[in-house]
Amino acid sequence: MKPKMQGKHLFEYAVIRVVPRVEREEFLNVGVILYCRDQKFLKSMCELDEKRLAAFAKDIDIDEIKESLKAFGQISAGTREGGPIGKLDPASRFRWLTATRSTVVQTSKVHPGFCEEAQATLERVFGEQVLF
């Protein structure tokens, strides 16, 4: 039996972060990835504030970060450009994208919640965690 409140669907999300120097554990939130099985929804939203990132990490390769974020979107969407991982089912793609890793682009821990409409929830969480 799947968890469900009246008219609400279980969703999971993680914040996408740029971590310029992993050893310092400092990061800049740049996106959100949200998965809702009931609504067959997996999508990420990203916005890279290059000026803010440059102030935070002068020597970072912005083009490399953009490519990593583009790959996040392609894998989330399940496009051919997402490669072999992009061909997996949405749950597997979400788990792969949110797996713990020590790279410049990584995600927070996964957080659960309940929503009525996944797209609106993604936009709300993105506003709270990235745009604030």
N, C-alpha and C. Protein backbone atom coordinates (compact mmCIF):
# COMPACT_ATOMS: atom_id res chain seq x y z
N MET A 1 0.84 -1.19 0.00
CA MET A 1 0.00 0.00 0.00
C MET A 1 0.88 1.24 0.00
N LYS A 2 0.64 2.16 -0.91
CA LYS A 2 1.47 3.35 -0.99
C LYS A 2 0.97 4.44 -0.04
N PRO A 3 1.92 5.15 0.60
CA PRO A 3 1.52 6.22 1.52
C PRO A 3 0.78 7.32 0.77
N LYS A 4 -0.36 7.74 1.32
CA LYS A 4 -1.14 8.77 0.67
C LYS A 4 -2.07 9.42 1.69
N MET A 5 -2.11 10.71 1.71
CA MET A 5 -3.07 11.45 2.50
C MET A 5 -4.18 11.85 1.53
N GLN A 6 -5.30 12.30 2.05
CA GLN A 6 -6.41 12.69 1.18
C GLN A 6 -5.94 13.63 0.08
N GLY A 7 -6.01 13.19 -1.17
CA GLY A 7 -5.65 14.02 -2.31
C GLY A 7 -4.18 14.40 -2.39
N LYS A 8 -3.37 13.83 -1.53
CA LYS A 8 -1.95 14.18 -1.52
C LYS A 8 -1.11 12.97 -1.91
N HIS A 9 -0.01 13.23 -2.56
CA HIS A 9 0.88 12.19 -3.05
C HIS A 9 2.26 12.35 -2.43
N LEU A 10 2.85 11.24 -2.07
CA LEU A 10 4.21 11.26 -1.53
C LEU A 10 5.18 11.73 -2.61
N PHE A 11 6.06 12.66 -2.26
CA PHE A 11 7.11 13.08 -3.16
C PHE A 11 8.42 13.11 -2.39
N GLU A 12 9.52 13.09 -3.14
CA GLU A 12 10.85 13.20 -2.57
C GLU A 12 11.60 14.24 -3.37
N TYR A 13 12.44 15.00 -2.68
CA TYR A 13 13.25 15.98 -3.40
C TYR A 13 14.62 16.10 -2.76
N ALA A 14 15.54 16.63 -3.55
CA ALA A 14 16.89 16.94 -3.07
C ALA A 14 17.30 18.26 -3.70
N VAL A 15 18.12 18.99 -2.98
CA VAL A 15 18.65 20.26 -3.48
C VAL A 15 19.94 19.97 -4.23
N ILE A 16 20.08 20.54 -5.41
CA ILE A 16 21.30 20.39 -6.21
C ILE A 16 22.24 21.52 -5.82
N ARG A 17 23.48 21.15 -5.51
CA ARG A 17 24.45 22.11 -4.99
C ARG A 17 25.73 22.11 -5.80
N VAL A 18 26.37 23.26 -5.83
CA VAL A 18 27.73 23.35 -6.35
C VAL A 18 28.63 23.45 -5.13
N VAL A 19 29.58 22.53 -5.06
CA VAL A 19 30.52 22.45 -3.94
C VAL A 19 31.92 22.64 -4.52
N PRO A 20 32.39 23.90 -4.61
CA PRO A 20 33.67 24.17 -5.28
C PRO A 20 34.87 23.44 -4.67
N ARG A 21 34.93 23.41 -3.36
CA ARG A 21 36.02 22.70 -2.69
C ARG A 21 35.39 21.75 -1.67
N VAL A 22 35.29 20.51 -2.06
CA VAL A 22 34.60 19.51 -1.26
C VAL A 22 35.13 19.46 0.16
N GLU A 23 36.42 19.61 0.32
CA GLU A 23 37.02 19.52 1.66
C GLU A 23 36.54 20.63 2.59
N ARG A 24 36.08 21.76 2.05
CA ARG A 24 35.59 22.87 2.88
C ARG A 24 34.11 22.72 3.22
N GLU A 25 33.42 21.87 2.49
CA GLU A 25 32.00 21.61 2.70
C GLU A 25 31.13 22.85 2.57
N GLU A 26 31.57 23.82 1.76
CA GLU A 26 30.78 25.01 1.47
C GLU A 26 30.07 24.76 0.14
N PHE A 27 28.85 25.27 0.02
CA PHE A 27 28.11 25.02 -1.21
C PHE A 27 27.17 26.17 -1.53
N LEU A 28 26.72 26.17 -2.79
CA LEU A 28 25.75 27.12 -3.29
C LEU A 28 24.59 26.31 -3.88
N ASN A 29 23.39 26.52 -3.38
CA ASN A 29 22.21 25.83 -3.93
C ASN A 29 21.91 26.38 -5.31
N VAL A 30 21.82 25.48 -6.30
CA VAL A 30 21.58 25.90 -7.69
C VAL A 30 20.37 25.22 -8.32
N GLY A 31 19.77 24.26 -7.64
CA GLY A 31 18.64 23.57 -8.25
C GLY A 31 17.94 22.63 -7.29
N VAL A 32 16.89 22.02 -7.80
CA VAL A 32 16.09 21.05 -7.05
C VAL A 32 15.70 19.94 -8.01
N ILE A 33 15.70 18.71 -7.52
CA ILE A 33 15.18 17.58 -8.27
C ILE A 33 14.05 16.98 -7.44
N LEU A 34 12.91 16.71 -8.09
CA LEU A 34 11.74 16.21 -7.37
C LEU A 34 11.18 15.00 -8.08
N TYR A 35 10.84 13.99 -7.29
CA TYR A 35 10.27 12.74 -7.81
C TYR A 35 8.97 12.44 -7.09
N CYS A 36 7.91 12.13 -7.85
CA CYS A 36 6.63 11.71 -7.30
C CYS A 36 6.15 10.51 -8.11
N ARG A 37 6.22 9.34 -7.50
CA ARG A 37 5.85 8.10 -8.21
C ARG A 37 4.40 8.12 -8.67
N ASP A 38 3.49 8.54 -7.79
CA ASP A 38 2.07 8.51 -8.13
C ASP A 38 1.74 9.34 -9.36
N GLN A 39 2.45 10.44 -9.53
CA GLN A 39 2.19 11.32 -10.66
C GLN A 39 3.16 11.08 -11.83
N LYS A 40 3.96 10.01 -11.70
CA LYS A 40 4.95 9.67 -12.75
C LYS A 40 5.76 10.91 -13.13
N PHE A 41 6.28 11.56 -12.09
CA PHE A 41 6.94 12.85 -12.25
C PHE A 41 8.38 12.78 -11.74
N LEU A 42 9.31 13.16 -12.59
CA LEU A 42 10.70 13.36 -12.20
C LEU A 42 11.21 14.53 -13.01
N LYS A 43 11.60 15.58 -12.32
CA LYS A 43 12.06 16.77 -13.02
C LYS A 43 13.02 17.53 -12.13
N SER A 44 13.95 18.20 -12.77
CA SER A 44 14.85 19.08 -12.02
C SER A 44 14.75 20.49 -12.59
N MET A 45 15.01 21.46 -11.75
CA MET A 45 15.07 22.87 -12.14
C MET A 45 16.38 23.41 -11.61
N CYS A 46 17.11 24.15 -12.44
CA CYS A 46 18.38 24.72 -12.02
C CYS A 46 18.49 26.16 -12.48
N GLU A 47 19.17 26.95 -11.69
CA GLU A 47 19.51 28.31 -12.07
C GLU A 47 20.87 28.62 -11.45
N LEU A 48 21.82 28.88 -12.30
CA LEU A 48 23.18 29.15 -11.85
C LEU A 48 23.42 30.66 -11.84
N ASP A 49 23.60 31.21 -10.66
CA ASP A 49 23.94 32.62 -10.50
C ASP A 49 25.46 32.72 -10.62
N GLU A 50 25.92 32.97 -11.84
CA GLU A 50 27.36 32.95 -12.11
C GLU A 50 28.12 34.00 -11.31
N LYS A 51 27.55 35.16 -11.13
CA LYS A 51 28.21 36.23 -10.36
C LYS A 51 28.39 35.81 -8.90
N ARG A 52 27.36 35.24 -8.35
CA ARG A 52 27.42 34.78 -6.95
C ARG A 52 28.43 33.63 -6.81
N LEU A 53 28.41 32.72 -7.77
CA LEU A 53 29.34 31.60 -7.72
C LEU A 53 30.78 32.08 -7.87
N ALA A 54 31.02 33.04 -8.76
CA ALA A 54 32.37 33.57 -8.96
C ALA A 54 32.87 34.26 -7.70
N ALA A 55 31.99 34.94 -6.98
CA ALA A 55 32.39 35.58 -5.72
C ALA A 55 32.72 34.52 -4.66
N PHE A 56 32.07 33.41 -4.76
CA PHE A 56 32.22 32.30 -3.81
C PHE A 56 33.45 31.44 -4.14
N ALA A 57 33.71 31.27 -5.43
CA ALA A 57 34.81 30.42 -5.87
C ALA A 57 35.38 30.98 -7.16
N LYS A 58 36.40 31.83 -7.06
CA LYS A 58 36.96 32.55 -8.20
C LYS A 58 37.47 31.66 -9.33
N ASP A 59 38.07 30.55 -8.99
CA ASP A 59 38.75 29.72 -9.99
C ASP A 59 37.90 28.58 -10.55
N ILE A 60 36.64 28.58 -10.29
CA ILE A 60 35.79 27.46 -10.73
C ILE A 60 35.51 27.55 -12.23
N ASP A 61 35.40 26.41 -12.87
CA ASP A 61 35.12 26.33 -14.30
C ASP A 61 33.60 26.38 -14.50
N ILE A 62 33.08 27.55 -14.81
CA ILE A 62 31.64 27.75 -14.96
C ILE A 62 31.07 26.87 -16.07
N ASP A 63 31.80 26.73 -17.17
CA ASP A 63 31.30 25.90 -18.29
C ASP A 63 31.14 24.44 -17.86
N GLU A 64 32.06 23.94 -17.05
CA GLU A 64 31.96 22.56 -16.54
C GLU A 64 30.73 22.41 -15.65
N ILE A 65 30.47 23.40 -14.82
CA ILE A 65 29.29 23.37 -13.95
C ILE A 65 28.02 23.36 -14.81
N LYS A 66 27.98 24.22 -15.82
CA LYS A 66 26.81 24.27 -16.71
C LYS A 66 26.57 22.93 -17.39
N GLU A 67 27.62 22.27 -17.83
CA GLU A 67 27.49 20.96 -18.47
C GLU A 67 26.95 19.93 -17.49
N SER A 68 27.42 19.95 -16.26
CA SER A 68 26.94 19.01 -15.24
C SER A 68 25.46 19.25 -14.95
N LEU A 69 25.05 20.50 -14.87
CA LEU A 69 23.65 20.81 -14.61
C LEU A 69 22.77 20.43 -15.80
N LYS A 70 23.30 20.61 -16.99
CA LYS A 70 22.58 20.20 -18.20
C LYS A 70 22.36 18.68 -18.18
N ALA A 71 23.39 17.94 -17.79
CA ALA A 71 23.28 16.47 -17.70
C ALA A 71 22.24 16.08 -16.66
N PHE A 72 22.18 16.80 -15.55
CA PHE A 72 21.16 16.54 -14.52
C PHE A 72 19.77 16.63 -15.16
N GLY A 73 19.54 17.69 -15.92
CA GLY A 73 18.24 17.88 -16.57
C GLY A 73 17.93 16.80 -17.57
N GLN A 74 18.93 16.39 -18.36
CA GLN A 74 18.73 15.36 -19.37
C GLN A 74 18.42 14.01 -18.73
N ILE A 75 19.13 13.69 -17.67
CA ILE A 75 18.87 12.41 -16.99
C ILE A 75 17.51 12.45 -16.32
N SER A 76 17.19 13.56 -15.66
CA SER A 76 15.87 13.70 -15.01
C SER A 76 14.75 13.48 -16.02
N ALA A 77 14.90 14.10 -17.18
CA ALA A 77 13.86 14.02 -18.21
C ALA A 77 13.83 12.68 -18.93
N GLY A 78 14.88 11.89 -18.76
CA GLY A 78 14.93 10.59 -19.42
C GLY A 78 15.16 10.70 -20.91
N THR A 79 15.88 11.74 -21.32
CA THR A 79 16.14 11.92 -22.75
C THR A 79 17.29 11.03 -23.21
N ARG A 80 17.38 10.85 -24.50
CA ARG A 80 18.46 10.07 -25.09
C ARG A 80 19.82 10.68 -24.72
N GLU A 81 19.86 12.01 -24.64
CA GLU A 81 21.10 12.70 -24.28
C GLU A 81 21.55 12.36 -22.86
N GLY A 82 20.64 11.81 -22.06
CA GLY A 82 20.96 11.40 -20.69
C GLY A 82 21.76 10.11 -20.63
N GLY A 83 22.06 9.53 -21.79
CA GLY A 83 22.88 8.32 -21.85
C GLY A 83 22.20 7.11 -21.23
N PRO A 84 23.00 6.12 -20.83
CA PRO A 84 22.43 4.89 -20.27
C PRO A 84 21.61 5.13 -19.00
N ILE A 85 22.02 6.08 -18.19
CA ILE A 85 21.26 6.37 -16.96
C ILE A 85 19.91 6.99 -17.32
N GLY A 86 19.88 7.80 -18.35
CA GLY A 86 18.63 8.42 -18.81
C GLY A 86 17.60 7.42 -19.30
N LYS A 87 18.03 6.20 -19.60
CA LYS A 87 17.11 5.15 -20.07
C LYS A 87 16.45 4.38 -18.93
N LEU A 88 16.94 4.58 -17.71
CA LEU A 88 16.38 3.86 -16.56
C LEU A 88 14.99 4.40 -16.22
N ASP A 89 14.25 3.67 -15.40
CA ASP A 89 12.94 4.13 -14.96
C ASP A 89 13.13 5.35 -14.04
N PRO A 90 12.08 6.17 -13.86
CA PRO A 90 12.23 7.40 -13.08
C PRO A 90 12.78 7.20 -11.66
N ALA A 91 12.32 6.18 -10.96
CA ALA A 91 12.81 5.94 -9.60
C ALA A 91 14.31 5.67 -9.60
N SER A 92 14.77 4.87 -10.54
CA SER A 92 16.21 4.55 -10.62
C SER A 92 17.02 5.78 -11.00
N ARG A 93 16.50 6.60 -11.91
CA ARG A 93 17.20 7.83 -12.28
C ARG A 93 17.29 8.77 -11.08
N PHE A 94 16.21 8.90 -10.32
CA PHE A 94 16.22 9.76 -9.13
C PHE A 94 17.25 9.26 -8.12
N ARG A 95 17.26 7.96 -7.86
CA ARG A 95 18.21 7.39 -6.90
C ARG A 95 19.64 7.59 -7.37
N TRP A 96 19.88 7.43 -8.68
CA TRP A 96 21.24 7.61 -9.20
C TRP A 96 21.67 9.07 -9.06
N LEU A 97 20.79 10.00 -9.41
CA LEU A 97 21.13 11.42 -9.33
C LEU A 97 21.34 11.90 -7.90
N THR A 98 20.66 11.29 -6.95
CA THR A 98 20.75 11.75 -5.56
C THR A 98 21.70 10.90 -4.71
N ALA A 99 22.41 9.98 -5.33
CA ALA A 99 23.38 9.17 -4.59
C ALA A 99 24.50 10.08 -4.06
N THR A 100 25.01 9.75 -2.89
CA THR A 100 26.09 10.52 -2.28
C THR A 100 27.33 10.43 -3.14
N ARG A 101 27.93 11.58 -3.41
CA ARG A 101 29.17 11.61 -4.20
C ARG A 101 30.01 12.81 -3.76
N SER A 102 31.28 12.73 -4.03
CA SER A 102 32.21 13.82 -3.71
C SER A 102 32.66 14.49 -5.00
N THR A 103 31.75 15.21 -5.62
CA THR A 103 32.05 15.93 -6.85
C THR A 103 31.66 17.39 -6.66
N VAL A 104 31.95 18.20 -7.64
CA VAL A 104 31.64 19.62 -7.55
C VAL A 104 30.13 19.86 -7.58
N VAL A 105 29.39 19.06 -8.36
CA VAL A 105 27.92 19.14 -8.36
C VAL A 105 27.39 17.90 -7.65
N GLN A 106 26.64 18.13 -6.59
CA GLN A 106 26.08 17.02 -5.81
C GLN A 106 24.74 17.44 -5.24
N THR A 107 24.07 16.53 -4.55
CA THR A 107 22.75 16.84 -3.98
C THR A 107 22.77 16.73 -2.47
N SER A 108 21.77 17.35 -1.88
CA SER A 108 21.55 17.22 -0.44
C SER A 108 21.00 15.82 -0.17
N LYS A 109 20.73 15.55 1.08
CA LYS A 109 20.00 14.33 1.41
C LYS A 109 18.60 14.46 0.82
N VAL A 110 17.94 13.35 0.62
CA VAL A 110 16.58 13.34 0.07
C VAL A 110 15.59 13.64 1.20
N HIS A 111 14.64 14.51 0.88
CA HIS A 111 13.61 14.91 1.85
C HIS A 111 12.23 14.51 1.30
N PRO A 112 11.36 13.94 2.13
CA PRO A 112 10.02 13.55 1.67
C PRO A 112 8.98 14.61 2.03
N GLY A 113 7.83 14.49 1.39
CA GLY A 113 6.69 15.34 1.71
C GLY A 113 5.47 14.83 0.97
N PHE A 114 4.37 15.56 1.10
CA PHE A 114 3.15 15.23 0.39
C PHE A 114 2.72 16.44 -0.42
N CYS A 115 2.23 16.17 -1.62
CA CYS A 115 1.81 17.27 -2.50
C CYS A 115 0.55 16.87 -3.25
N GLU A 116 -0.13 17.88 -3.78
CA GLU A 116 -1.27 17.64 -4.65
C GLU A 116 -0.80 17.62 -6.10
N GLU A 117 0.11 18.53 -6.44
CA GLU A 117 0.56 18.66 -7.82
C GLU A 117 2.08 18.82 -7.82
N ALA A 118 2.77 17.87 -8.40
CA ALA A 118 4.24 17.81 -8.31
C ALA A 118 4.93 19.02 -8.95
N GLN A 119 4.46 19.47 -10.10
CA GLN A 119 5.10 20.61 -10.77
C GLN A 119 5.03 21.86 -9.90
N ALA A 120 3.88 22.12 -9.31
CA ALA A 120 3.74 23.29 -8.44
C ALA A 120 4.63 23.16 -7.21
N THR A 121 4.76 21.95 -6.71
CA THR A 121 5.61 21.71 -5.54
C THR A 121 7.07 21.92 -5.90
N LEU A 122 7.49 21.44 -7.07
CA LEU A 122 8.86 21.66 -7.54
C LEU A 122 9.15 23.16 -7.61
N GLU A 123 8.24 23.91 -8.19
CA GLU A 123 8.44 25.36 -8.32
C GLU A 123 8.52 26.04 -6.95
N ARG A 124 7.68 25.61 -6.01
CA ARG A 124 7.69 26.19 -4.67
C ARG A 124 9.00 25.89 -3.96
N VAL A 125 9.41 24.62 -3.97
CA VAL A 125 10.65 24.22 -3.30
C VAL A 125 11.86 24.91 -3.96
N PHE A 126 11.85 25.02 -5.27
CA PHE A 126 12.93 25.71 -5.99
C PHE A 126 13.02 27.17 -5.51
N GLY A 127 11.88 27.82 -5.41
CA GLY A 127 11.86 29.20 -4.93
C GLY A 127 12.41 29.33 -3.52
N GLU A 128 12.04 28.40 -2.66
CA GLU A 128 12.49 28.43 -1.26
C GLU A 128 13.97 28.11 -1.11
N GLN A 129 14.45 27.13 -1.86
CA GLN A 129 15.81 26.63 -1.66
C GLN A 129 16.87 27.28 -2.54
N VAL A 130 16.46 27.81 -3.69
CA VAL A 130 17.45 28.35 -4.63
C VAL A 130 17.29 29.86 -4.81
N LEU A 131 16.08 30.30 -5.07
CA LEU A 131 15.88 31.71 -5.37
C LEU A 131 15.81 32.60 -4.14
N PHE A 132 15.29 32.07 -3.07
CA PHE A 132 15.04 32.79 -1.82
C PHE A 132 15.21 34.25 -2.03
